[in-house]
Amino acid sequence: MKALLYVAATAAIFAAVALLFGGAFRSSAHVDATPAASAASFALGDTAGLVRRLQLELEAKPSPKGYATLGLAYEQRARETGDPAYYTKADGVLRRSLDLSPRNALAIAGLGSLALSRHRFRDALRYGLEARALAPQEARNYGVVGDALIELGRYREAFRAFDTLAREKPGLAAYARVSYARELLGNLPDSIKAMKLAVDTATGQREAMAWTRVQLGKLYLASGRIDAARAQFVAALSVFPGYVYGLDALAQAEAARGRLRRAIALEWQAANDVPLPQFVAFLGDLYRANGQRGLAAKEYGLIDVIRRLLVANGVTTDLETALFQVDHGIRLPETVALARLAQRERPSIDGDDVLAWALTRDGRCGEALRYSRLALRLGTRDALKYFHRGMVERCLGDRAGARDWFARALALNPNFSVLWAPVARRALR
């Protein structure tokens, strides 16, 4: 029975954490917090119970597989609770597993998914490649490698890894990544098709179904299809009541519909249940948009507290911190330096975009243009990146160019940001 427990638990937890895409501050990446568990696996909502069982069994009989499985369970608990202390616990038991068995591919892959969660993408790539070399038959290792390559800006290699995963093990994990790759390349219709396949694959799995519905809804939202997006978010919450990622997504849809009070209530519940920084920041933005600046300031003040807790548990937050500070006009010269550091460590289109935005807000318009062009090099259709480019053009004094990019942003998604969509609309008026 213990062996069966290990097999089922390992399959479920690894599927859940292998898709982690960092996302400590972000809410847009489609592979954030993915619960791609198989139907034959244990219920993810009972991870706490599994942790207790594994701990008792390891006290009686330590084993490499047991420690590796416990490490993956801790990673899952971090995703479920928002408590980064579980990352530190996961690191400890995964390394204990390697002490007992240095060529333990499961533990190495677990360290890879942990590094993704901590935004240590070079480490994630190293672990992913090592796990793949030890267990080339395990298609999931290609996912860890591909996720790391995406964040390092090595897109062609990442897409090849995703193609291998889809060929060797088609399913939720593969379809979600294919969807994200297509989105990055600006092909939103085919991205939606791939995510619909992920939804179909998730049938019978409560959290996986909720997650895929949320991701599909976010694709609709990014295309300006608010009603279609809202329907997916409502469906997610009907499958998994209280699902915090569903609450957050539905809050975004309600904000896009102009229902700020409803959006605030939903986002407050998400942030109160699991205080992820992206939830807290968005709640602050909603308060600000609703004219409640005191409450907004209170939420913004929590961000640095959360950041320090993340950093204390090994999470790199430079890029996300830079974006938050640029958006809110905090210590811009210092933030530009932070954005430069983040872009060097994470030379993706997101790293380029955040640096371009920081440079723009600090008045360094020519250099900002260079990075804005890099941020759009894949043809990604992202309204916020379009808006940032418009601000670069306005910074350079090109009013016609700025208007063109603002119009593109609003045509793609008229409600792309509670902070910045109104700025774009005012500029066009």
Protein backbone atom coordinates (compact mmCIF):
# COMPACT_ATOMS: atom_id res chain seq x y z
CA MET A 1 0.00 0.00 0.00
CA LYS A 2 2.84 2.41 0.76
CA ALA A 3 4.29 1.89 -2.69
CA LEU A 4 0.92 2.62 -4.27
CA LEU A 5 0.61 5.76 -2.15
CA TYR A 6 4.01 6.97 -3.32
CA VAL A 7 3.22 6.29 -6.98
CA ALA A 8 -0.15 8.05 -6.92
CA ALA A 9 1.06 10.96 -4.81
CA THR A 10 4.19 11.49 -6.88
CA ALA A 11 2.24 11.53 -10.12
CA ALA A 12 -0.31 14.00 -8.80
CA ILE A 13 2.02 16.39 -7.05
CA PHE A 14 4.61 16.44 -9.79
CA ALA A 15 1.92 17.16 -12.34
CA ALA A 16 0.71 19.98 -10.13
CA VAL A 17 4.04 21.67 -9.49
CA ALA A 18 5.86 20.96 -12.73
CA LEU A 19 3.84 23.66 -14.44
CA LEU A 20 4.62 26.34 -11.89
CA PHE A 21 5.79 29.37 -13.82
CA GLY A 22 6.99 31.56 -11.01
CA GLY A 23 4.17 34.05 -10.84
CA ALA A 24 4.76 35.28 -7.30
CA PHE A 25 3.56 38.74 -8.36
CA ARG A 26 2.13 37.97 -11.79
CA SER A 27 -1.37 36.98 -12.73
CA SER A 28 -1.16 36.66 -16.49
CA ALA A 29 1.17 33.79 -17.25
CA HIS A 30 -0.90 30.81 -18.27
CA VAL A 31 1.19 28.29 -16.44
CA ASP A 32 1.02 29.93 -13.04
CA ALA A 33 -0.07 27.54 -10.31
CA THR A 34 -1.19 24.75 -12.59
CA PRO A 35 -2.83 21.74 -10.90
CA ALA A 36 -2.41 19.24 -13.72
CA ALA A 37 -3.17 16.20 -11.61
CA SER A 38 -4.34 13.00 -13.23
CA ALA A 39 -7.79 11.63 -12.50
CA ALA A 40 -6.28 8.51 -10.98
CA SER A 41 -4.33 10.53 -8.42
CA PHE A 42 -5.22 11.68 -4.94
CA ALA A 43 -7.37 14.76 -4.39
CA LEU A 44 -5.20 17.86 -4.31
CA GLY A 45 -7.34 19.36 -1.57
CA ASP A 46 -5.99 16.69 0.79
CA THR A 47 -2.35 17.67 0.36
CA ALA A 48 -2.11 18.56 4.04
CA GLY A 49 -3.21 15.04 4.95
CA LEU A 50 -0.71 13.55 2.53
CA VAL A 51 2.06 15.65 4.06
CA ARG A 52 1.26 14.28 7.52
CA ARG A 53 1.21 10.69 6.25
CA LEU A 54 4.52 11.09 4.46
CA GLN A 55 6.14 12.67 7.49
CA LEU A 56 5.08 9.75 9.70
CA GLU A 57 6.28 7.19 7.18
CA LEU A 58 9.63 8.93 6.79
CA GLU A 59 10.10 8.96 10.56
CA ALA A 60 9.65 5.19 10.53
CA LYS A 61 11.57 4.47 7.34
CA PRO A 62 13.52 7.23 5.50
CA SER A 63 13.74 6.77 1.73
CA PRO A 64 14.84 8.87 -1.28
CA LYS A 65 11.45 8.56 -2.94
CA GLY A 66 9.62 9.44 0.27
CA TYR A 67 11.64 12.62 0.78
CA ALA A 68 11.25 13.59 -2.88
CA THR A 69 7.49 13.09 -2.71
CA LEU A 70 7.28 15.12 0.48
CA GLY A 71 9.23 17.89 -1.22
CA LEU A 72 6.74 17.95 -4.07
CA ALA A 73 3.88 17.98 -1.56
CA TYR A 74 5.43 21.01 0.15
CA GLU A 75 5.59 22.78 -3.22
CA GLN A 76 1.93 22.01 -3.71
CA ARG A 77 1.13 23.39 -0.26
CA ALA A 78 2.97 26.60 -1.13
CA ARG A 79 0.72 26.98 -4.15
CA GLU A 80 -2.43 26.20 -2.18
CA THR A 81 -1.70 28.45 0.80
CA GLY A 82 0.53 31.21 -0.59
CA ASP A 83 2.99 30.53 2.25
CA PRO A 84 6.56 30.64 0.85
CA ALA A 85 7.91 28.91 3.96
CA TYR A 86 6.91 25.69 2.22
CA TYR A 87 9.55 26.43 -0.43
CA THR A 88 12.23 26.29 2.24
CA LYS A 89 10.80 23.04 3.58
CA ALA A 90 10.66 21.59 0.07
CA ASP A 91 14.28 22.53 -0.56
CA GLY A 92 15.39 20.77 2.60
CA VAL A 93 13.69 17.44 2.00
CA LEU A 94 14.51 17.35 -1.72
CA ARG A 95 18.19 17.78 -0.88
CA ARG A 96 17.84 15.10 1.81
CA SER A 97 16.51 12.82 -0.92
CA LEU A 98 19.60 13.56 -3.02
CA ASP A 99 21.88 12.87 -0.05
CA LEU A 100 20.42 9.37 0.05
CA SER A 101 20.38 8.91 -3.73
CA PRO A 102 22.45 11.47 -5.71
CA ARG A 103 21.14 10.33 -9.12
CA ASN A 104 17.53 10.63 -8.04
CA ALA A 105 15.76 12.12 -11.07
CA LEU A 106 12.52 12.75 -9.18
CA ALA A 107 14.23 14.91 -6.55
CA ILE A 108 16.29 16.76 -9.17
CA ALA A 109 13.17 17.50 -11.20
CA GLY A 110 11.50 18.62 -7.96
CA LEU A 111 14.33 21.08 -7.40
CA GLY A 112 13.74 22.27 -10.97
CA SER A 113 10.07 23.01 -10.35
CA LEU A 114 11.01 24.62 -7.03
CA ALA A 115 13.51 26.87 -8.79
CA LEU A 116 10.77 27.91 -11.22
CA SER A 117 8.55 28.86 -8.30
CA ARG A 118 11.39 30.85 -6.78
CA HIS A 119 12.09 32.62 -10.10
CA ARG A 120 15.58 31.13 -10.25
CA PHE A 121 15.31 30.25 -13.90
CA ARG A 122 18.96 29.47 -14.62
CA ASP A 123 18.91 26.99 -11.74
CA ALA A 124 15.63 25.58 -13.03
CA LEU A 125 17.14 25.00 -16.45
CA ARG A 126 20.17 23.28 -14.95
CA TYR A 127 18.04 20.96 -12.83
CA GLY A 128 15.63 20.31 -15.68
CA LEU A 129 18.43 19.33 -18.05
CA GLU A 130 19.98 17.10 -15.40
CA ALA A 131 16.67 15.37 -14.72
CA ARG A 132 16.05 14.93 -18.44
CA ALA A 133 19.48 13.37 -18.89
CA LEU A 134 18.82 10.91 -16.06
CA ALA A 135 15.25 10.13 -17.14
CA PRO A 136 14.84 10.99 -20.84
CA GLN A 137 11.68 8.91 -20.96
CA GLU A 138 9.94 11.28 -18.53
CA ALA A 139 8.24 13.80 -20.79
CA ARG A 140 7.43 16.08 -17.83
CA ASN A 141 11.10 17.05 -17.58
CA TYR A 142 10.77 18.76 -20.95
CA GLY A 143 8.16 21.00 -19.35
CA VAL A 144 10.54 22.17 -16.62
CA VAL A 145 13.23 22.82 -19.23
CA GLY A 146 10.83 24.67 -21.54
CA ASP A 147 9.40 26.82 -18.75
CA ALA A 148 12.89 27.92 -17.71
CA LEU A 149 13.91 28.64 -21.31
CA ILE A 150 10.82 30.84 -21.79
CA GLU A 151 11.79 33.06 -18.88
CA LEU A 152 15.38 33.22 -20.11
CA GLY A 153 14.20 34.50 -23.49
CA ARG A 154 15.31 31.39 -25.38
CA TYR A 155 12.02 30.93 -27.15
CA ARG A 156 12.88 28.62 -30.03
CA GLU A 157 14.49 26.11 -27.67
CA ALA A 158 11.53 26.41 -25.29
CA PHE A 159 9.02 25.75 -28.05
CA ARG A 160 10.96 22.68 -29.13
CA ALA A 161 10.80 21.38 -25.57
CA PHE A 162 7.05 22.00 -25.50
CA ASP A 163 6.64 20.22 -28.84
CA THR A 164 8.46 17.20 -27.41
CA LEU A 165 6.24 17.22 -24.35
CA ALA A 166 3.10 17.41 -26.51
CA ARG A 167 4.33 14.60 -28.73
CA GLU A 168 5.47 12.30 -25.93
CA LYS A 169 2.74 13.00 -23.37
CA PRO A 170 -0.24 14.92 -24.75
CA GLY A 171 -2.45 16.18 -21.96
CA LEU A 172 -3.19 19.16 -19.77
CA ALA A 173 0.45 20.05 -19.08
CA ALA A 174 1.33 19.94 -22.78
CA TYR A 175 -1.80 21.71 -24.03
CA ALA A 176 -1.42 24.54 -21.50
CA ARG A 177 2.14 25.15 -22.63
CA VAL A 178 1.23 24.97 -26.32
CA SER A 179 -1.50 27.52 -25.61
CA TYR A 180 0.98 29.83 -23.90
CA ALA A 181 3.49 29.49 -26.74
CA ARG A 182 0.83 30.41 -29.28
CA GLU A 183 -0.20 33.38 -27.17
CA LEU A 184 3.40 34.58 -27.04
CA LEU A 185 3.54 34.37 -30.84
CA GLY A 186 0.42 36.50 -31.14
CA ASN A 187 -1.90 33.70 -32.23
CA LEU A 188 -4.75 34.13 -29.76
CA PRO A 189 -7.34 32.06 -31.70
CA ASP A 190 -5.10 28.98 -31.75
CA SER A 191 -4.04 29.66 -28.16
CA ILE A 192 -7.71 29.46 -27.21
CA LYS A 193 -8.10 26.21 -29.14
CA ALA A 194 -5.21 24.61 -27.28
CA MET A 195 -6.57 25.75 -23.92
CA LYS A 196 -9.96 24.26 -24.80
CA LEU A 197 -8.15 20.94 -25.28
CA ALA A 198 -6.68 21.41 -21.81
CA VAL A 199 -10.19 21.99 -20.45
CA ASP A 200 -11.39 18.78 -22.08
CA THR A 201 -8.44 16.88 -20.60
CA ALA A 202 -9.27 18.16 -17.11
CA THR A 203 -12.72 16.55 -17.03
CA GLY A 204 -13.36 14.90 -13.70
CA GLN A 205 -10.55 16.75 -11.89
CA ARG A 206 -12.00 19.56 -9.80
CA GLU A 207 -9.01 21.85 -9.39
CA ALA A 208 -7.56 21.13 -12.81
CA MET A 209 -10.92 21.94 -14.38
CA ALA A 210 -11.14 25.19 -12.42
CA TRP A 211 -7.61 26.16 -13.39
CA THR A 212 -8.10 25.50 -17.10
CA ARG A 213 -11.39 27.39 -17.10
CA VAL A 214 -9.65 30.36 -15.53
CA GLN A 215 -6.85 30.29 -18.12
CA LEU A 216 -9.32 30.03 -20.99
CA GLY A 217 -11.25 32.94 -19.53
CA LYS A 218 -8.08 35.01 -19.29
CA LEU A 219 -7.45 34.46 -22.98
CA TYR A 220 -10.94 35.70 -23.72
CA LEU A 221 -10.37 38.67 -21.43
CA ALA A 222 -7.09 39.50 -23.18
CA SER A 223 -9.09 39.58 -26.43
CA GLY A 224 -11.68 41.94 -24.98
CA ARG A 225 -14.38 39.24 -24.80
CA ILE A 226 -15.59 40.07 -21.30
CA ASP A 227 -18.81 38.05 -21.28
CA ALA A 228 -17.09 34.90 -22.56
CA ALA A 229 -14.34 35.38 -19.99
CA ARG A 230 -16.79 35.90 -17.15
CA ALA A 231 -18.68 32.74 -18.11
CA GLN A 232 -15.50 30.70 -17.78
CA PHE A 233 -14.65 32.23 -14.40
CA VAL A 234 -18.15 31.53 -13.09
CA ALA A 235 -17.88 27.95 -14.37
CA ALA A 236 -14.55 27.55 -12.58
CA LEU A 237 -16.06 28.69 -9.29
CA SER A 238 -19.07 26.42 -9.73
CA VAL A 239 -16.69 23.46 -10.07
CA PHE A 240 -14.45 24.64 -7.23
CA PRO A 241 -16.26 27.10 -4.90
CA GLY A 242 -13.90 29.55 -3.22
CA TYR A 243 -11.08 28.87 -5.72
CA VAL A 244 -8.89 31.93 -5.17
CA TYR A 245 -7.57 32.11 -8.73
CA GLY A 246 -11.16 32.02 -9.92
CA LEU A 247 -12.15 34.79 -7.51
CA ASP A 248 -9.25 36.93 -8.71
CA ALA A 249 -10.10 36.32 -12.37
CA LEU A 250 -13.79 37.07 -11.85
CA ALA A 251 -12.78 40.29 -10.08
CA GLN A 252 -10.84 41.26 -13.20
CA ALA A 253 -13.89 40.60 -15.37
CA GLU A 254 -16.18 42.58 -13.08
CA ALA A 255 -13.72 45.47 -13.10
CA ALA A 256 -13.70 45.36 -16.90
CA ARG A 257 -17.50 45.63 -16.80
CA GLY A 258 -17.20 48.71 -14.59
CA ARG A 259 -18.57 46.94 -11.50
CA LEU A 260 -15.83 48.06 -9.14
CA ARG A 261 -17.64 47.31 -5.87
CA ARG A 262 -18.30 43.74 -6.96
CA ALA A 263 -14.69 43.42 -8.14
CA ILE A 264 -13.41 44.71 -4.78
CA ALA A 265 -15.53 42.20 -2.85
CA LEU A 266 -14.21 39.30 -4.95
CA GLU A 267 -10.59 40.41 -4.81
CA TRP A 268 -10.80 41.05 -1.08
CA GLN A 269 -11.94 37.45 -0.60
CA ALA A 270 -9.09 36.11 -2.76
CA ALA A 271 -6.47 38.22 -0.98
CA ASN A 272 -7.91 37.40 2.44
CA ASP A 273 -7.90 33.65 1.76
CA VAL A 274 -4.46 33.46 0.11
CA PRO A 275 -2.48 36.74 0.38
CA LEU A 276 -0.57 36.46 -2.87
CA PRO A 277 1.07 39.75 -3.83
CA GLN A 278 -0.71 39.95 -7.19
CA PHE A 279 -4.05 39.73 -5.37
CA VAL A 280 -3.07 42.39 -2.83
CA ALA A 281 -1.72 44.73 -5.52
CA PHE A 282 -4.83 44.38 -7.68
CA LEU A 283 -7.07 45.00 -4.66
CA GLY A 284 -5.13 48.20 -4.03
CA ASP A 285 -5.57 49.23 -7.66
CA LEU A 286 -9.30 48.57 -7.45
CA TYR A 287 -9.59 50.71 -4.32
CA ARG A 288 -7.62 53.44 -6.06
CA ALA A 289 -9.83 53.31 -9.16
CA ASN A 290 -12.87 53.53 -6.87
CA GLY A 291 -11.50 56.64 -5.18
CA GLN A 292 -10.64 54.87 -1.91
CA ARG A 293 -7.05 55.98 -1.74
CA GLY A 294 -6.58 55.30 1.96
CA LEU A 295 -7.55 51.66 1.53
CA ALA A 296 -5.40 51.46 -1.60
CA ALA A 297 -2.36 52.74 0.30
CA LYS A 298 -2.97 50.16 3.02
CA GLU A 299 -2.91 47.32 0.47
CA TYR A 300 0.15 48.73 -1.30
CA GLY A 301 1.92 48.88 2.04
CA LEU A 302 1.51 45.12 2.42
CA ILE A 303 3.43 44.43 -0.78
CA ASP A 304 6.84 45.10 0.74
CA VAL A 305 5.99 42.89 3.72
CA ILE A 306 5.09 40.04 1.36
CA ARG A 307 8.19 40.71 -0.76
CA ARG A 308 10.46 40.39 2.27
CA LEU A 309 8.80 37.11 3.23
CA LEU A 310 9.29 35.77 -0.29
CA VAL A 311 12.93 36.82 -0.40
CA ALA A 312 13.54 35.24 3.00
CA ASN A 313 12.35 31.95 1.51
CA GLY A 314 14.54 32.11 -1.56
CA VAL A 315 12.21 33.77 -4.07
CA THR A 316 13.71 36.30 -6.48
CA THR A 317 11.23 39.16 -6.91
CA ASP A 318 13.28 41.80 -8.76
CA LEU A 319 11.19 41.94 -11.93
CA GLU A 320 7.83 41.91 -10.16
CA THR A 321 8.97 44.47 -7.60
CA ALA A 322 10.24 46.74 -10.37
CA LEU A 323 6.93 46.53 -12.23
CA PHE A 324 4.91 47.32 -9.11
CA GLN A 325 7.13 50.28 -8.27
CA VAL A 326 7.08 51.68 -11.80
CA ASP A 327 3.31 51.40 -12.01
CA HIS A 328 2.97 53.28 -8.74
CA GLY A 329 5.76 55.82 -9.24
CA ILE A 330 7.94 54.59 -6.38
CA ARG A 331 11.64 55.61 -6.30
CA LEU A 332 11.99 55.62 -10.09
CA PRO A 333 15.80 55.99 -10.46
CA GLU A 334 16.32 53.15 -7.99
CA THR A 335 13.63 51.13 -9.74
CA VAL A 336 15.33 51.55 -13.12
CA ALA A 337 18.47 49.98 -11.65
CA LEU A 338 16.39 47.12 -10.25
CA ALA A 339 14.68 46.60 -13.62
CA ARG A 340 18.09 46.47 -15.34
CA LEU A 341 19.25 43.79 -12.96
CA ALA A 342 16.02 41.83 -13.41
CA GLN A 343 16.22 42.03 -17.22
CA ARG A 344 19.79 40.72 -17.21
CA GLU A 345 18.72 37.73 -15.14
CA ARG A 346 15.47 37.26 -17.02
CA PRO A 347 15.98 38.49 -20.61
CA SER A 348 12.45 37.60 -21.73
CA ILE A 349 9.91 39.85 -23.40
CA ASP A 350 8.53 40.55 -19.93
CA GLY A 351 11.97 41.56 -18.68
CA ASP A 352 12.39 43.82 -21.70
CA ASP A 353 8.93 45.34 -21.25
CA VAL A 354 9.37 46.14 -17.56
CA LEU A 355 12.75 47.77 -18.24
CA ALA A 356 11.27 49.78 -21.13
CA TRP A 357 8.43 50.94 -18.88
CA ALA A 358 10.81 51.89 -16.06
CA LEU A 359 13.03 53.86 -18.43
CA THR A 360 10.00 55.62 -19.88
CA ARG A 361 8.65 56.68 -16.51
CA ASP A 362 12.13 57.97 -15.61
CA GLY A 363 12.33 60.01 -18.84
CA ARG A 364 14.98 57.90 -20.60
CA CYS A 365 12.96 57.69 -23.78
CA GLY A 366 15.52 56.64 -26.41
CA GLU A 367 16.79 53.69 -24.44
CA ALA A 368 13.22 52.74 -23.56
CA LEU A 369 12.37 52.44 -27.27
CA ARG A 370 15.08 49.83 -27.74
CA TYR A 371 13.70 47.59 -25.04
CA SER A 372 10.09 48.15 -26.05
CA ARG A 373 10.93 46.87 -29.53
CA LEU A 374 12.52 43.80 -27.97
CA ALA A 375 9.42 43.26 -25.83
CA LEU A 376 7.30 43.03 -28.97
CA ARG A 377 9.73 40.96 -31.02
CA LEU A 378 7.63 37.79 -30.99
CA GLY A 379 4.50 39.52 -32.27
CA THR A 380 2.75 39.04 -28.91
CA ARG A 381 -0.67 40.68 -28.84
CA ASP A 382 -0.62 42.15 -25.36
CA ALA A 383 -2.59 45.34 -24.73
CA LEU A 384 -0.43 46.38 -21.79
CA LYS A 385 2.76 46.06 -23.84
CA TYR A 386 1.08 48.09 -26.58
CA PHE A 387 0.20 50.75 -24.02
CA HIS A 388 3.77 50.85 -22.73
CA ARG A 389 4.99 51.33 -26.30
CA GLY A 390 2.54 54.20 -26.69
CA MET A 391 3.98 55.82 -23.58
CA VAL A 392 7.47 55.41 -25.02
CA GLU A 393 6.38 57.19 -28.21
CA ARG A 394 4.75 59.96 -26.19
CA CYS A 395 7.95 60.26 -24.15
CA LEU A 396 9.83 60.72 -27.44
CA GLY A 397 7.39 63.44 -28.54
CA ASP A 398 5.74 61.36 -31.27
CA ARG A 399 2.08 62.09 -30.55
CA ALA A 400 0.79 60.29 -33.65
CA GLY A 401 2.82 57.20 -32.85
CA ALA A 402 1.59 57.25 -29.26
CA ARG A 403 -2.04 57.52 -30.36
CA ASP A 404 -1.58 54.60 -32.74
CA TRP A 405 -0.27 52.31 -30.00
CA PHE A 406 -2.94 53.44 -27.53
CA ALA A 407 -5.58 52.68 -30.13
CA ARG A 408 -4.11 49.23 -30.70
CA ALA A 409 -4.20 48.49 -26.99
CA LEU A 410 -7.81 49.56 -26.61
CA ALA A 411 -8.91 47.79 -29.79
CA LEU A 412 -7.45 44.53 -28.49
CA ASN A 413 -8.77 44.89 -24.94
CA PRO A 414 -10.64 48.06 -24.00
CA ASN A 415 -10.25 47.31 -20.29
CA PHE A 416 -6.68 45.99 -20.15
CA SER A 417 -5.83 47.76 -16.87
CA VAL A 418 -7.81 49.58 -14.20
CA LEU A 419 -4.85 51.98 -13.90
CA TRP A 420 -3.77 52.51 -17.49
CA ALA A 421 -6.72 51.89 -19.82
CA PRO A 422 -8.29 55.21 -18.67
CA VAL A 423 -4.99 56.96 -19.46
CA ALA A 424 -5.05 55.54 -23.00
CA ARG A 425 -8.66 56.59 -23.49
CA ARG A 426 -7.97 60.13 -22.29
CA ALA A 427 -4.99 60.38 -24.64
CA LEU A 428 -7.15 59.41 -27.62
CA ARG A 429 -9.85 61.91 -26.66
